[in-house]
Amino acid sequence: MRSIPGLSNDLFARSSKLAAKARTAREAAPNAVPPSSSMAPARVVDGVATLRIYDYIDPDGGYWGISSNEFADALDAIEDEVTSIELLINSGGGSVWDGLTILNTLRSHPATVTARVDGVAASAASFIAVACDEVVMMPNSRMMLHDALGLCIGQAVDMREYADFLDDTSANIAEIYATKTGGTIEEWRATMTSKGLMGQWYSAQEAVDVGLADRVGGDAPVDPEDRAPVKAAAKPAPKAELEPDPYVAKANARKLAEAGARHGLSV
């Protein structure tokens, strides 16, 4: 199989991270059952529930990321009185199908859902964010989208069929972006394929500019004229000059004379 730039390093880094998590858990509680999910329960304050997707999206869940089943359980546990959900996202994406399932569980919930991208909403995490009622990019956060990818083993006919399947899957995802932005599926497919596996990356403001997000969150930047004047640091007191050591001075003079003699220089 040909080497795919960036993919091998990403898989290696991910597997190393998962192995470290498992090792830490075993050392902390050697006789305990490993945690089944990195999906934390919702935190509810004044009718607003906060959920986090701070991991990969993976059908197996547990150490591998957050599955749609784990997310649905966390969503179902939220009280009926909740009228607003804040979904905080920092995810490199993952499974298309689990991503679509998470998206639709949020769509079917009666509460208003605001997606807040804290770090990155990449790949599947990007279309989960875009499908929410409001999308807020925190300062310096990023969003990335690309075509669906997968692996196929089989004959030539299988490869062709799978390529068509990936195109169809990607068109389905492009429809989510088009619905949010008002663009067309064809336009977003062109964007999704333009950079290959690296994907099309957007800064917080760029995501707003193209319509994928509604606003950049956080405190407004402070005008330089409104900043409190910064006091100059006090200059350190001058160090007292030391008298040169006559023995050191004489030794240095001798070394300098010897060097000059070796190179035919006079001093």
Protein backbone atom coordinates (compact mmCIF):
# COMPACT_ATOMS: atom_id res chain seq x y z
CA MET A 1 0.00 0.00 0.00
CA ARG A 2 1.37 3.40 -0.90
CA SER A 3 2.37 5.77 1.88
CA ILE A 4 -0.20 8.50 2.50
CA PRO A 5 1.52 11.73 3.66
CA GLY A 6 0.63 12.61 7.22
CA LEU A 7 -1.69 9.65 7.78
CA SER A 8 0.89 7.21 9.15
CA ASN A 9 2.22 9.77 11.63
CA ASP A 10 -1.31 10.60 12.75
CA LEU A 11 -2.19 6.93 13.34
CA PHE A 12 1.05 6.34 15.20
CA ALA A 13 0.50 9.38 17.41
CA ARG A 14 -3.08 8.33 18.11
CA SER A 15 -2.17 4.74 18.98
CA SER A 16 0.64 5.95 21.24
CA LYS A 17 -1.75 8.28 23.04
CA LEU A 18 -4.30 5.49 23.53
CA ALA A 19 -1.66 3.08 24.82
CA ALA A 20 -0.46 5.70 27.31
CA LYS A 21 -4.04 6.27 28.53
CA ALA A 22 -4.59 2.55 29.01
CA ARG A 23 -1.29 2.12 30.82
CA THR A 24 -2.02 5.03 33.17
CA ALA A 25 -5.48 3.64 33.97
CA ARG A 26 -4.10 0.18 34.73
CA GLU A 27 -1.41 1.58 37.00
CA ALA A 28 -3.91 3.76 38.89
CA ALA A 29 -6.41 0.95 39.45
CA PRO A 30 -4.99 -2.42 38.41
CA ASN A 31 -8.11 -4.37 39.38
CA ALA A 32 -10.66 -1.93 38.02
CA VAL A 33 -12.65 -2.21 34.80
CA PRO A 34 -11.28 0.31 32.24
CA PRO A 35 -13.53 3.30 31.57
CA SER A 36 -15.96 2.61 28.76
CA SER A 37 -16.17 6.15 27.44
CA SER A 38 -14.31 9.45 27.19
CA MET A 39 -17.71 11.13 26.94
CA ALA A 40 -18.34 13.04 30.16
CA PRO A 41 -21.88 13.59 31.47
CA ALA A 42 -23.51 16.94 30.75
CA ARG A 43 -22.99 19.79 33.20
CA VAL A 44 -26.26 21.68 33.72
CA VAL A 45 -26.43 25.24 35.09
CA ASP A 46 -29.52 27.46 34.94
CA GLY A 47 -31.22 25.39 32.26
CA VAL A 48 -28.12 25.25 30.03
CA ALA A 49 -26.44 21.87 29.50
CA THR A 50 -22.80 21.68 28.45
CA LEU A 51 -21.49 18.66 26.54
CA ARG A 52 -17.97 18.12 25.26
CA ILE A 53 -16.58 16.30 22.25
CA TYR A 54 -12.92 16.48 23.18
CA ASP A 55 -11.79 13.31 21.41
CA TYR A 56 -11.96 11.41 18.15
CA ILE A 57 -15.32 10.14 16.97
CA ASP A 58 -15.17 6.36 16.82
CA PRO A 59 -17.83 3.61 16.68
CA ASP A 60 -16.04 1.58 19.37
CA GLY A 61 -15.85 4.45 21.84
CA GLY A 62 -13.95 3.90 25.07
CA TYR A 63 -10.23 4.41 24.65
CA TRP A 64 -10.71 4.92 20.90
CA GLY A 65 -12.84 8.05 21.22
CA ILE A 66 -16.50 8.95 21.52
CA SER A 67 -19.13 6.76 19.88
CA SER A 68 -22.60 7.86 18.81
CA ASN A 69 -24.06 5.46 21.37
CA GLU A 70 -22.09 7.06 24.21
CA PHE A 71 -23.06 10.52 23.03
CA ALA A 72 -26.74 9.55 22.81
CA ASP A 73 -26.62 8.19 26.38
CA ALA A 74 -25.17 11.49 27.63
CA LEU A 75 -27.80 13.44 25.70
CA ASP A 76 -30.64 11.26 27.00
CA ALA A 77 -29.49 11.86 30.58
CA ILE A 78 -30.10 15.61 30.30
CA GLU A 79 -33.14 16.82 32.22
CA ASP A 80 -36.28 17.81 30.30
CA GLU A 81 -36.09 21.33 31.75
CA VAL A 82 -32.97 22.12 29.73
CA THR A 83 -33.74 24.60 26.96
CA SER A 84 -30.24 25.18 25.63
CA ILE A 85 -27.25 22.95 24.93
CA GLU A 86 -23.70 24.16 24.49
CA LEU A 87 -21.60 21.64 22.58
CA LEU A 88 -17.89 22.29 23.09
CA ILE A 89 -15.72 20.79 20.36
CA ASN A 90 -12.05 19.96 20.09
CA SER A 91 -11.91 16.93 17.81
CA GLY A 92 -9.97 15.67 14.82
CA GLY A 93 -13.11 13.93 13.53
CA GLY A 94 -13.43 10.24 12.78
CA SER A 95 -16.29 7.97 11.71
CA VAL A 96 -18.72 9.47 9.19
CA TRP A 97 -21.61 7.32 10.35
CA ASP A 98 -21.16 8.02 14.05
CA GLY A 99 -20.71 11.69 13.21
CA LEU A 100 -23.99 11.75 11.28
CA THR A 101 -25.74 9.90 14.11
CA ILE A 102 -24.48 12.43 16.68
CA LEU A 103 -25.58 15.23 14.36
CA ASN A 104 -29.10 13.83 14.06
CA THR A 105 -29.51 13.16 17.78
CA LEU A 106 -28.77 16.85 18.30
CA ARG A 107 -31.16 17.87 15.53
CA SER A 108 -33.96 15.86 17.11
CA HIS A 109 -33.44 17.33 20.58
CA PRO A 110 -35.93 20.08 21.47
CA ALA A 111 -33.27 22.33 23.02
CA THR A 112 -31.41 24.99 21.03
CA VAL A 113 -27.90 23.74 20.32
CA THR A 114 -24.88 26.03 20.07
CA ALA A 115 -21.61 24.52 18.88
CA ARG A 116 -18.51 26.20 20.29
CA VAL A 117 -15.25 25.25 18.64
CA ASP A 118 -12.62 25.54 21.37
CA GLY A 119 -9.66 24.06 19.49
CA VAL A 120 -10.40 22.35 16.19
CA ALA A 121 -13.47 20.95 14.49
CA ALA A 122 -11.96 18.76 11.78
CA SER A 123 -13.46 16.25 9.37
CA ALA A 124 -16.56 14.65 10.94
CA ALA A 125 -16.44 17.10 13.84
CA SER A 126 -16.84 19.97 11.38
CA PHE A 127 -20.18 18.83 10.00
CA ILE A 128 -21.46 18.10 13.51
CA ALA A 129 -20.66 21.70 14.41
CA VAL A 130 -22.09 23.17 11.21
CA ALA A 131 -25.42 21.36 11.68
CA CYS A 132 -26.05 22.99 15.08
CA ASP A 133 -28.37 25.98 15.47
CA GLU A 134 -25.44 28.34 16.02
CA VAL A 135 -21.70 27.90 15.45
CA VAL A 136 -19.23 29.94 17.47
CA MET A 137 -15.52 29.83 16.71
CA MET A 138 -13.38 30.74 19.68
CA PRO A 139 -10.38 32.98 18.94
CA ASN A 140 -7.53 31.09 17.23
CA SER A 141 -9.64 27.95 16.77
CA ARG A 142 -9.71 26.15 13.42
CA MET A 143 -12.09 24.20 11.21
CA MET A 144 -11.14 21.62 8.59
CA LEU A 145 -13.19 19.72 6.04
CA HIS A 146 -12.33 17.20 3.35
CA ASP A 147 -13.78 14.34 1.32
CA ALA A 148 -14.67 11.03 2.95
CA LEU A 149 -11.86 8.47 2.94
CA GLY A 150 -11.68 4.73 3.41
CA LEU A 151 -9.88 1.50 2.53
CA CYS A 152 -10.97 -1.12 0.02
CA ILE A 153 -9.65 -4.61 -0.67
CA GLY A 154 -10.88 -6.44 -3.70
CA GLN A 155 -10.94 -6.57 -7.47
CA ALA A 156 -11.00 -3.67 -9.90
CA VAL A 157 -14.80 -3.64 -9.90
CA ASP A 158 -14.76 -3.36 -6.12
CA MET A 159 -12.39 -0.39 -6.29
CA ARG A 160 -14.61 1.40 -8.80
CA GLU A 161 -17.74 0.72 -6.78
CA TYR A 162 -16.03 1.93 -3.62
CA ALA A 163 -14.86 5.12 -5.32
CA ASP A 164 -18.48 5.82 -6.34
CA PHE A 165 -19.58 5.08 -2.78
CA LEU A 166 -17.04 7.57 -1.38
CA ASP A 167 -18.21 10.21 -3.86
CA ASP A 168 -21.81 9.66 -2.80
CA THR A 169 -20.88 9.82 0.88
CA SER A 170 -18.92 13.03 0.35
CA ALA A 171 -21.82 14.60 -1.56
CA ASN A 172 -24.05 13.79 1.40
CA ILE A 173 -21.62 15.62 3.71
CA ALA A 174 -21.32 18.54 1.27
CA GLU A 175 -25.07 19.01 1.53
CA ILE A 176 -24.65 19.82 5.25
CA TYR A 177 -22.16 22.59 4.46
CA ALA A 178 -24.33 23.87 1.60
CA THR A 179 -27.42 24.01 3.83
CA LYS A 180 -25.54 26.13 6.37
CA THR A 181 -23.86 28.49 3.92
CA GLY A 182 -26.39 28.74 1.11
CA GLY A 183 -23.88 27.38 -1.41
CA THR A 184 -24.29 24.36 -3.65
CA ILE A 185 -23.23 20.76 -3.15
CA GLU A 186 -20.95 21.01 -6.19
CA GLU A 187 -19.21 24.09 -4.79
CA TRP A 188 -18.53 22.43 -1.47
CA ARG A 189 -17.36 19.20 -3.10
CA ALA A 190 -14.82 21.28 -5.01
CA THR A 191 -13.63 22.77 -1.73
CA MET A 192 -13.52 19.38 0.00
CA THR A 193 -11.36 17.85 -2.74
CA SER A 194 -9.08 20.83 -3.35
CA LYS A 195 -6.43 19.90 -0.77
CA GLY A 196 -6.74 16.11 -0.63
CA LEU A 197 -6.16 14.42 2.72
CA MET A 198 -4.78 17.63 4.23
CA GLY A 199 -8.22 19.16 3.85
CA GLN A 200 -9.34 22.75 3.57
CA TRP A 201 -8.46 24.64 6.75
CA TYR A 202 -10.17 27.78 8.03
CA SER A 203 -9.19 30.17 10.77
CA ALA A 204 -11.94 31.30 13.13
CA GLN A 205 -12.70 34.42 11.09
CA GLU A 206 -12.40 32.61 7.76
CA ALA A 207 -15.00 30.07 8.90
CA VAL A 208 -17.34 32.97 9.63
CA ASP A 209 -16.54 34.66 6.32
CA VAL A 210 -17.51 31.60 4.25
CA GLY A 211 -20.66 31.00 6.33
CA LEU A 212 -19.64 27.82 8.14
CA ALA A 213 -19.76 29.66 11.49
CA ASP A 214 -21.90 32.51 12.77
CA ARG A 215 -19.42 34.48 14.84
CA VAL A 216 -16.11 34.51 16.64
CA GLY A 217 -16.61 34.25 20.40
CA GLY A 218 -14.56 35.45 23.32
CA ASP A 219 -13.82 38.93 24.59
CA ALA A 220 -13.44 41.69 22.04
CA PRO A 221 -9.80 42.73 21.50
CA VAL A 222 -8.71 45.74 23.51
CA ASP A 223 -7.74 48.85 21.55
CA PRO A 224 -4.06 49.66 22.20
CA GLU A 225 -5.04 53.21 23.22
CA ASP A 226 -7.33 51.81 25.92
CA ARG A 227 -4.68 49.68 27.52
CA ALA A 228 -3.26 50.76 30.87
CA PRO A 229 0.19 52.27 30.47
CA VAL A 230 2.95 49.84 31.19
CA LYS A 231 5.58 51.12 33.58
CA ALA A 232 9.12 50.75 32.38
CA ALA A 233 11.12 48.30 34.40
CA ALA A 234 13.59 49.91 36.75
CA LYS A 235 17.12 49.82 35.45
CA PRO A 236 19.40 47.63 37.53
CA ALA A 237 22.00 49.41 39.62
CA PRO A 238 25.37 49.55 37.86
CA LYS A 239 27.80 46.95 39.04
CA ALA A 240 30.90 48.17 40.80
CA GLU A 241 33.94 48.00 38.56
CA LEU A 242 36.54 45.54 39.74
CA GLU A 243 40.23 46.26 39.69
CA PRO A 244 41.98 44.04 37.12
CA ASP A 245 44.05 41.26 38.56
CA PRO A 246 47.70 42.09 37.67
CA TYR A 247 48.63 38.42 37.37
CA VAL A 248 45.75 37.73 34.93
CA ALA A 249 46.59 40.85 32.92
CA LYS A 250 50.24 39.81 32.64
CA ALA A 251 49.30 36.26 31.57
CA ASN A 252 46.90 37.56 28.90
CA ALA A 253 49.56 39.92 27.55
CA ARG A 254 52.03 37.05 27.27
CA LYS A 255 49.50 34.84 25.40
CA LEU A 256 48.69 37.70 23.02
CA ALA A 257 52.39 38.27 22.29
CA GLU A 258 52.97 34.56 21.63
CA ALA A 259 49.99 34.43 19.26
CA GLY A 260 51.22 37.46 17.38
CA ALA A 261 54.68 35.96 17.00
CA ARG A 262 53.26 32.72 15.55
CA HIS A 263 51.27 34.61 12.93
CA GLY A 264 53.96 37.17 12.11
CA LEU A 265 52.09 40.01 13.75
CA SER A 266 53.49 42.66 16.01
CA VAL A 267 51.64 44.07 18.94
